[in-house]
């Protein structure tokens, strides 16, 4: 599996855990493996050394949702050593289209509207996972 696919899979898994209340703070309020209320198997099995690698993620979230997603990202960074840059909030769709057309798309774009995904596909700008 590619690193991009693994990153997307981990982030999706971590986001699901976050939404169920598994992670609650940017500073790893729940140190991995130290709180028996959580199952850390996914975190442990995902660990690998991606030190020195970076991943740019763009998504629609702002405010509290952005803070929650950044909590998930903190666990990803802790598991991998990778550096993640998240851009989110207002203007997401326009920002993604500008970045894509400029040749500097994010590594992962969280696309909540099928219309944007359809437009990116029409332009040949989507990469298979």
N, C-alpha and C. Protein backbone atom coordinates (compact mmCIF):
# COMPACT_ATOMS: atom_id res chain seq x y z
N UNK A 1 0.84 -1.18 0.00
CA UNK A 1 0.00 0.00 0.00
C UNK A 1 0.88 1.24 0.00
N UNK A 2 0.40 2.31 -0.63
CA UNK A 2 1.20 3.52 -0.67
C UNK A 2 1.06 4.29 0.63
N UNK A 3 2.04 5.15 0.88
CA UNK A 3 2.00 5.97 2.09
C UNK A 3 0.77 6.86 2.10
N UNK A 4 0.40 7.37 0.92
CA UNK A 4 -0.78 8.25 0.83
C UNK A 4 -2.03 7.49 1.23
N UNK A 5 -2.16 6.24 0.73
CA UNK A 5 -3.32 5.43 1.09
C UNK A 5 -3.32 5.13 2.57
N UNK A 6 -2.17 4.76 3.11
CA UNK A 6 -2.09 4.45 4.54
C UNK A 6 -2.43 5.68 5.37
N UNK A 7 -1.94 6.84 4.94
CA UNK A 7 -2.24 8.07 5.66
C UNK A 7 -3.74 8.35 5.62
N UNK A 8 -4.35 8.20 4.45
CA UNK A 8 -5.78 8.44 4.33
C UNK A 8 -6.57 7.45 5.19
N UNK A 9 -6.14 6.17 5.17
CA UNK A 9 -6.83 5.16 5.97
C UNK A 9 -6.71 5.47 7.46
N UNK A 10 -5.50 5.83 7.90
CA UNK A 10 -5.32 6.15 9.30
C UNK A 10 -6.13 7.36 9.70
N UNK A 11 -6.10 8.41 8.88
CA UNK A 11 -6.84 9.62 9.21
C UNK A 11 -8.34 9.35 9.27
N UNK A 12 -8.84 8.52 8.37
CA UNK A 12 -10.26 8.18 8.41
C UNK A 12 -10.59 7.40 9.68
N UNK A 13 -9.74 6.45 10.04
CA UNK A 13 -9.94 5.67 11.26
C UNK A 13 -9.85 6.57 12.48
N UNK A 14 -8.86 7.43 12.48
CA UNK A 14 -8.68 8.33 13.62
C UNK A 14 -9.84 9.31 13.72
N UNK A 15 -10.35 9.78 12.58
CA UNK A 15 -11.48 10.70 12.61
C UNK A 15 -12.70 10.02 13.21
N UNK A 16 -12.92 8.76 12.85
CA UNK A 16 -14.04 8.02 13.42
C UNK A 16 -13.86 7.87 14.92
N UNK A 17 -12.66 7.58 15.35
CA UNK A 17 -12.39 7.47 16.79
C UNK A 17 -12.62 8.80 17.47
N UNK A 18 -12.19 9.86 16.82
CA UNK A 18 -12.37 11.19 17.39
C UNK A 18 -13.84 11.51 17.57
N UNK A 19 -14.62 11.23 16.54
CA UNK A 19 -16.04 11.54 16.62
C UNK A 19 -16.75 10.72 17.68
N UNK A 20 -16.18 9.59 18.06
CA UNK A 20 -16.78 8.80 19.13
C UNK A 20 -16.20 9.19 20.48
N UNK A 21 -15.37 10.21 20.50
CA UNK A 21 -14.85 10.72 21.76
C UNK A 21 -13.51 10.16 22.17
N UNK A 22 -12.78 9.50 21.27
CA UNK A 22 -11.52 8.87 21.66
C UNK A 22 -10.41 9.86 21.92
N UNK A 23 -10.34 10.93 21.17
CA UNK A 23 -9.26 11.89 21.36
C UNK A 23 -9.87 13.24 21.67
N UNK A 24 -9.28 13.95 22.62
CA UNK A 24 -9.92 15.19 23.03
C UNK A 24 -9.01 16.38 23.16
N UNK A 25 -7.72 16.26 22.87
CA UNK A 25 -6.85 17.42 23.04
C UNK A 25 -5.69 17.40 22.09
N UNK A 26 -5.29 18.57 21.65
CA UNK A 26 -4.19 18.70 20.72
C UNK A 26 -2.90 18.14 21.31
N UNK A 27 -2.72 18.22 22.62
CA UNK A 27 -1.47 17.77 23.24
C UNK A 27 -1.54 16.31 23.69
N UNK A 28 -2.27 15.50 22.98
CA UNK A 28 -2.42 14.08 23.29
C UNK A 28 -2.84 13.88 24.74
N UNK A 29 -3.99 14.39 25.04
CA UNK A 29 -4.56 14.28 26.38
C UNK A 29 -4.59 12.83 26.85
N UNK A 30 -4.78 11.93 25.91
CA UNK A 30 -4.79 10.50 26.22
C UNK A 30 -3.54 9.88 25.60
N UNK A 31 -2.45 9.79 26.34
CA UNK A 31 -1.22 9.22 25.78
C UNK A 31 -1.48 7.80 25.26
N UNK A 32 -1.05 7.52 24.04
CA UNK A 32 -1.30 6.20 23.45
C UNK A 32 -0.85 5.07 24.37
N UNK A 33 -1.78 4.13 24.56
CA UNK A 33 -1.49 2.94 25.35
C UNK A 33 -1.67 3.11 26.84
N UNK A 34 -1.90 4.33 27.31
CA UNK A 34 -1.96 4.55 28.75
C UNK A 34 -3.36 4.63 29.32
N UNK A 35 -4.36 4.65 28.49
CA UNK A 35 -5.73 4.76 28.98
C UNK A 35 -6.51 3.54 28.51
N UNK A 36 -6.89 2.67 29.44
CA UNK A 36 -7.53 1.41 29.08
C UNK A 36 -8.96 1.58 28.56
N UNK A 37 -9.50 2.79 28.61
CA UNK A 37 -10.83 3.02 28.05
C UNK A 37 -10.82 2.95 26.53
N UNK A 38 -9.63 3.04 25.93
CA UNK A 38 -9.52 3.07 24.48
C UNK A 38 -8.75 1.86 23.98
N UNK A 39 -9.08 1.44 22.79
CA UNK A 39 -8.35 0.37 22.13
C UNK A 39 -7.30 1.02 21.23
N UNK A 40 -6.05 0.81 21.54
CA UNK A 40 -4.96 1.46 20.82
C UNK A 40 -4.37 0.57 19.73
N UNK A 41 -5.00 -0.55 19.40
CA UNK A 41 -4.45 -1.47 18.41
C UNK A 41 -4.20 -0.80 17.06
N UNK A 42 -5.15 0.00 16.58
CA UNK A 42 -4.97 0.67 15.29
C UNK A 42 -3.79 1.63 15.33
N UNK A 43 -3.68 2.36 16.43
CA UNK A 43 -2.56 3.30 16.59
C UNK A 43 -1.24 2.55 16.55
N UNK A 44 -1.15 1.47 17.30
CA UNK A 44 0.09 0.70 17.38
C UNK A 44 0.42 0.04 16.04
N UNK A 45 -0.58 -0.51 15.36
CA UNK A 45 -0.31 -1.20 14.10
C UNK A 45 0.05 -0.22 12.99
N UNK A 46 -0.36 1.03 13.14
CA UNK A 46 -0.07 2.02 12.11
C UNK A 46 1.30 2.66 12.26
N UNK A 47 1.89 2.54 13.44
CA UNK A 47 3.18 3.20 13.69
C UNK A 47 4.20 2.81 12.63
N UNK A 48 4.87 3.82 12.11
CA UNK A 48 5.99 3.64 11.19
C UNK A 48 6.76 4.94 11.15
N UNK A 49 7.98 4.88 10.71
CA UNK A 49 8.81 6.07 10.69
C UNK A 49 8.63 6.81 9.37
N UNK A 50 7.94 7.91 9.44
CA UNK A 50 7.78 8.80 8.29
C UNK A 50 8.45 10.14 8.58
N UNK A 51 9.41 10.13 9.49
CA UNK A 51 10.12 11.35 9.86
C UNK A 51 10.69 12.01 8.61
N UNK A 52 10.56 13.33 8.56
CA UNK A 52 11.07 14.08 7.42
C UNK A 52 10.08 14.19 6.28
N UNK A 53 8.98 13.45 6.33
CA UNK A 53 7.97 13.55 5.29
C UNK A 53 6.88 14.51 5.74
N UNK A 54 6.27 15.16 4.79
CA UNK A 54 5.19 16.09 5.13
C UNK A 54 3.96 15.77 4.29
N UNK A 55 2.84 16.16 4.82
CA UNK A 55 1.56 15.92 4.17
C UNK A 55 0.71 17.16 4.32
N UNK A 56 0.21 17.67 3.21
CA UNK A 56 -0.67 18.83 3.21
C UNK A 56 -2.11 18.32 3.05
N UNK A 57 -2.96 18.70 4.00
CA UNK A 57 -4.37 18.31 3.97
C UNK A 57 -5.20 19.57 3.94
N UNK A 58 -6.22 19.58 3.09
CA UNK A 58 -7.14 20.71 3.04
C UNK A 58 -8.55 20.18 3.22
N UNK A 59 -9.34 20.88 3.99
CA UNK A 59 -10.69 20.44 4.26
C UNK A 59 -11.60 21.60 4.59
N UNK A 60 -12.87 21.33 4.75
CA UNK A 60 -13.86 22.37 4.95
C UNK A 60 -14.00 22.85 6.39
N UNK A 61 -13.34 22.21 7.34
CA UNK A 61 -13.62 22.47 8.73
C UNK A 61 -12.96 23.74 9.24
N UNK A 62 -13.70 24.46 10.06
CA UNK A 62 -13.19 25.63 10.75
C UNK A 62 -13.65 25.57 12.19
N UNK A 63 -13.17 26.49 12.99
CA UNK A 63 -13.60 26.58 14.37
C UNK A 63 -13.36 25.32 15.17
N UNK A 64 -14.39 24.89 15.89
CA UNK A 64 -14.29 23.71 16.75
C UNK A 64 -13.98 22.45 15.94
N UNK A 65 -14.61 22.32 14.77
CA UNK A 65 -14.36 21.14 13.94
C UNK A 65 -12.90 21.08 13.50
N UNK A 66 -12.33 22.22 13.17
CA UNK A 66 -10.91 22.26 12.78
C UNK A 66 -10.04 21.84 13.96
N UNK A 67 -10.36 22.34 15.14
CA UNK A 67 -9.59 21.97 16.33
C UNK A 67 -9.67 20.47 16.60
N UNK A 68 -10.85 19.89 16.42
CA UNK A 68 -11.01 18.45 16.62
C UNK A 68 -10.20 17.66 15.59
N UNK A 69 -10.24 18.10 14.34
CA UNK A 69 -9.46 17.40 13.31
C UNK A 69 -7.97 17.53 13.60
N UNK A 70 -7.54 18.68 14.05
CA UNK A 70 -6.12 18.86 14.38
C UNK A 70 -5.70 17.94 15.52
N UNK A 71 -6.64 17.58 16.39
CA UNK A 71 -6.36 16.59 17.43
C UNK A 71 -6.05 15.23 16.79
N UNK A 72 -6.85 14.85 15.81
CA UNK A 72 -6.61 13.60 15.09
C UNK A 72 -5.24 13.65 14.42
N UNK A 73 -4.93 14.78 13.80
CA UNK A 73 -3.64 14.95 13.13
C UNK A 73 -2.49 14.80 14.12
N UNK A 74 -2.66 15.31 15.33
CA UNK A 74 -1.60 15.19 16.35
C UNK A 74 -1.29 13.72 16.64
N UNK A 75 -2.32 12.88 16.69
CA UNK A 75 -2.09 11.44 16.91
C UNK A 75 -1.39 10.82 15.70
N UNK A 76 -1.75 11.23 14.51
CA UNK A 76 -1.08 10.75 13.30
C UNK A 76 0.40 11.13 13.33
N UNK A 77 0.68 12.38 13.68
CA UNK A 77 2.07 12.83 13.75
C UNK A 77 2.83 12.06 14.82
N UNK A 78 2.19 11.79 15.95
CA UNK A 78 2.84 11.03 17.02
C UNK A 78 3.14 9.60 16.57
N UNK A 79 2.26 9.01 15.78
CA UNK A 79 2.45 7.63 15.34
C UNK A 79 3.49 7.50 14.24
N UNK A 80 3.70 8.58 13.48
CA UNK A 80 4.53 8.46 12.28
C UNK A 80 5.77 9.35 12.27
N UNK A 81 5.74 10.44 13.00
CA UNK A 81 6.83 11.41 12.92
C UNK A 81 6.69 12.34 11.73
N UNK A 82 5.66 12.15 10.92
CA UNK A 82 5.43 13.01 9.76
C UNK A 82 4.95 14.38 10.22
N UNK A 83 5.14 15.36 9.38
CA UNK A 83 4.66 16.71 9.65
C UNK A 83 3.43 16.95 8.78
N UNK A 84 2.32 17.32 9.42
CA UNK A 84 1.07 17.54 8.69
C UNK A 84 0.70 19.01 8.78
N UNK A 85 0.38 19.58 7.63
CA UNK A 85 -0.11 20.95 7.56
C UNK A 85 -1.57 20.88 7.14
N UNK A 86 -2.47 21.40 7.99
CA UNK A 86 -3.89 21.39 7.67
C UNK A 86 -4.37 22.80 7.41
N UNK A 87 -5.04 22.98 6.28
CA UNK A 87 -5.71 24.24 5.96
C UNK A 87 -7.19 23.93 5.94
N UNK A 88 -7.95 24.75 6.60
CA UNK A 88 -9.38 24.49 6.62
C UNK A 88 -10.17 25.76 6.80
N UNK A 89 -11.46 25.61 6.73
CA UNK A 89 -12.35 26.72 6.99
C UNK A 89 -12.96 27.30 5.73
N UNK A 90 -13.40 28.53 5.86
CA UNK A 90 -14.08 29.22 4.77
C UNK A 90 -13.21 29.28 3.51
N UNK A 91 -13.86 29.17 2.38
CA UNK A 91 -13.16 29.26 1.11
C UNK A 91 -12.47 27.99 0.68
N UNK A 92 -12.80 26.88 1.34
CA UNK A 92 -12.15 25.60 1.05
C UNK A 92 -12.23 25.22 -0.43
N UNK A 93 -13.44 25.25 -1.00
CA UNK A 93 -13.61 24.81 -2.38
C UNK A 93 -12.80 25.68 -3.34
N UNK A 94 -12.85 26.97 -3.15
CA UNK A 94 -12.09 27.88 -4.01
C UNK A 94 -10.59 27.66 -3.83
N UNK A 95 -10.16 27.50 -2.59
CA UNK A 95 -8.74 27.30 -2.30
C UNK A 95 -8.21 26.02 -2.95
N UNK A 96 -8.99 24.94 -2.86
CA UNK A 96 -8.57 23.67 -3.46
C UNK A 96 -8.45 23.82 -4.98
N UNK A 97 -9.44 24.44 -5.60
CA UNK A 97 -9.40 24.60 -7.06
C UNK A 97 -8.20 25.45 -7.49
N UNK A 98 -7.92 26.52 -6.76
CA UNK A 98 -6.77 27.37 -7.09
C UNK A 98 -5.48 26.58 -6.94
N UNK A 99 -5.34 25.85 -5.83
CA UNK A 99 -4.12 25.07 -5.59
C UNK A 99 -3.94 23.98 -6.65
N UNK A 100 -5.03 23.32 -7.02
CA UNK A 100 -4.96 22.26 -8.03
C UNK A 100 -4.53 22.85 -9.37
N UNK A 101 -5.15 23.94 -9.78
CA UNK A 101 -4.82 24.56 -11.07
C UNK A 101 -3.41 25.13 -11.07
N UNK A 102 -2.91 25.54 -9.91
CA UNK A 102 -1.55 26.08 -9.81
C UNK A 102 -0.50 24.97 -9.77
N UNK A 103 -0.95 23.73 -9.70
CA UNK A 103 -0.02 22.61 -9.66
C UNK A 103 0.51 22.29 -8.28
N UNK A 104 -0.15 22.81 -7.25
CA UNK A 104 0.28 22.52 -5.88
C UNK A 104 -0.90 22.04 -5.04
N UNK A 105 -1.53 20.94 -5.46
CA UNK A 105 -2.70 20.46 -4.71
C UNK A 105 -2.28 19.88 -3.37
N UNK A 106 -3.23 19.81 -2.43
CA UNK A 106 -2.91 19.15 -1.17
C UNK A 106 -2.73 17.65 -1.41
N UNK A 107 -1.99 16.99 -0.52
CA UNK A 107 -1.85 15.54 -0.61
C UNK A 107 -3.18 14.86 -0.41
N UNK A 108 -3.99 15.42 0.48
CA UNK A 108 -5.34 14.92 0.74
C UNK A 108 -6.28 16.11 0.81
N UNK A 109 -7.38 16.04 0.07
CA UNK A 109 -8.43 17.04 0.16
C UNK A 109 -9.68 16.32 0.65
N UNK A 110 -10.25 16.80 1.73
CA UNK A 110 -11.47 16.22 2.27
C UNK A 110 -12.62 16.94 1.57
N UNK A 111 -13.26 16.25 0.64
CA UNK A 111 -14.26 16.88 -0.23
C UNK A 111 -15.65 16.45 0.22
N UNK A 112 -16.38 17.34 0.90
CA UNK A 112 -17.69 16.96 1.41
C UNK A 112 -18.81 17.03 0.37
N UNK A 113 -18.61 17.79 -0.71
CA UNK A 113 -19.66 17.93 -1.71
C UNK A 113 -19.29 17.11 -2.95
N UNK A 114 -20.22 16.27 -3.41
CA UNK A 114 -19.93 15.48 -4.60
C UNK A 114 -19.68 16.34 -5.84
N UNK A 115 -20.24 17.53 -5.87
CA UNK A 115 -20.04 18.41 -7.03
C UNK A 115 -18.58 18.80 -7.21
N UNK A 116 -17.89 19.08 -6.12
CA UNK A 116 -16.47 19.44 -6.20
C UNK A 116 -15.65 18.24 -6.65
N UNK A 117 -15.94 17.07 -6.10
CA UNK A 117 -15.23 15.86 -6.52
C UNK A 117 -15.48 15.59 -8.00
N UNK A 118 -16.71 15.79 -8.45
CA UNK A 118 -17.04 15.57 -9.85
C UNK A 118 -16.27 16.54 -10.75
N UNK A 119 -16.18 17.79 -10.34
CA UNK A 119 -15.44 18.79 -11.13
C UNK A 119 -13.95 18.46 -11.18
N UNK A 120 -13.38 18.05 -10.05
CA UNK A 120 -11.97 17.67 -10.03
C UNK A 120 -11.73 16.45 -10.92
N UNK A 121 -12.65 15.49 -10.89
CA UNK A 121 -12.53 14.31 -11.74
C UNK A 121 -12.65 14.69 -13.22
N UNK A 122 -13.58 15.57 -13.54
CA UNK A 122 -13.77 16.01 -14.92
C UNK A 122 -12.50 16.63 -15.47
N UNK A 123 -11.78 17.33 -14.61
CA UNK A 123 -10.53 17.99 -15.03
C UNK A 123 -9.32 17.04 -14.97
N UNK A 124 -9.57 15.80 -14.54
CA UNK A 124 -8.48 14.83 -14.45
C UNK A 124 -7.52 15.12 -13.30
N UNK A 125 -8.03 15.69 -12.23
CA UNK A 125 -7.19 16.13 -11.12
C UNK A 125 -7.28 15.25 -9.88
N UNK A 126 -8.00 14.13 -9.95
CA UNK A 126 -8.08 13.23 -8.80
C UNK A 126 -7.11 12.07 -8.98
N UNK A 127 -6.51 11.66 -7.90
CA UNK A 127 -5.61 10.50 -7.92
C UNK A 127 -6.29 9.36 -7.19
N UNK A 128 -6.21 8.15 -7.72
CA UNK A 128 -6.82 7.01 -7.03
C UNK A 128 -6.10 6.73 -5.71
N UNK A 129 -6.88 6.30 -4.73
CA UNK A 129 -6.27 5.91 -3.46
C UNK A 129 -5.80 4.49 -3.60
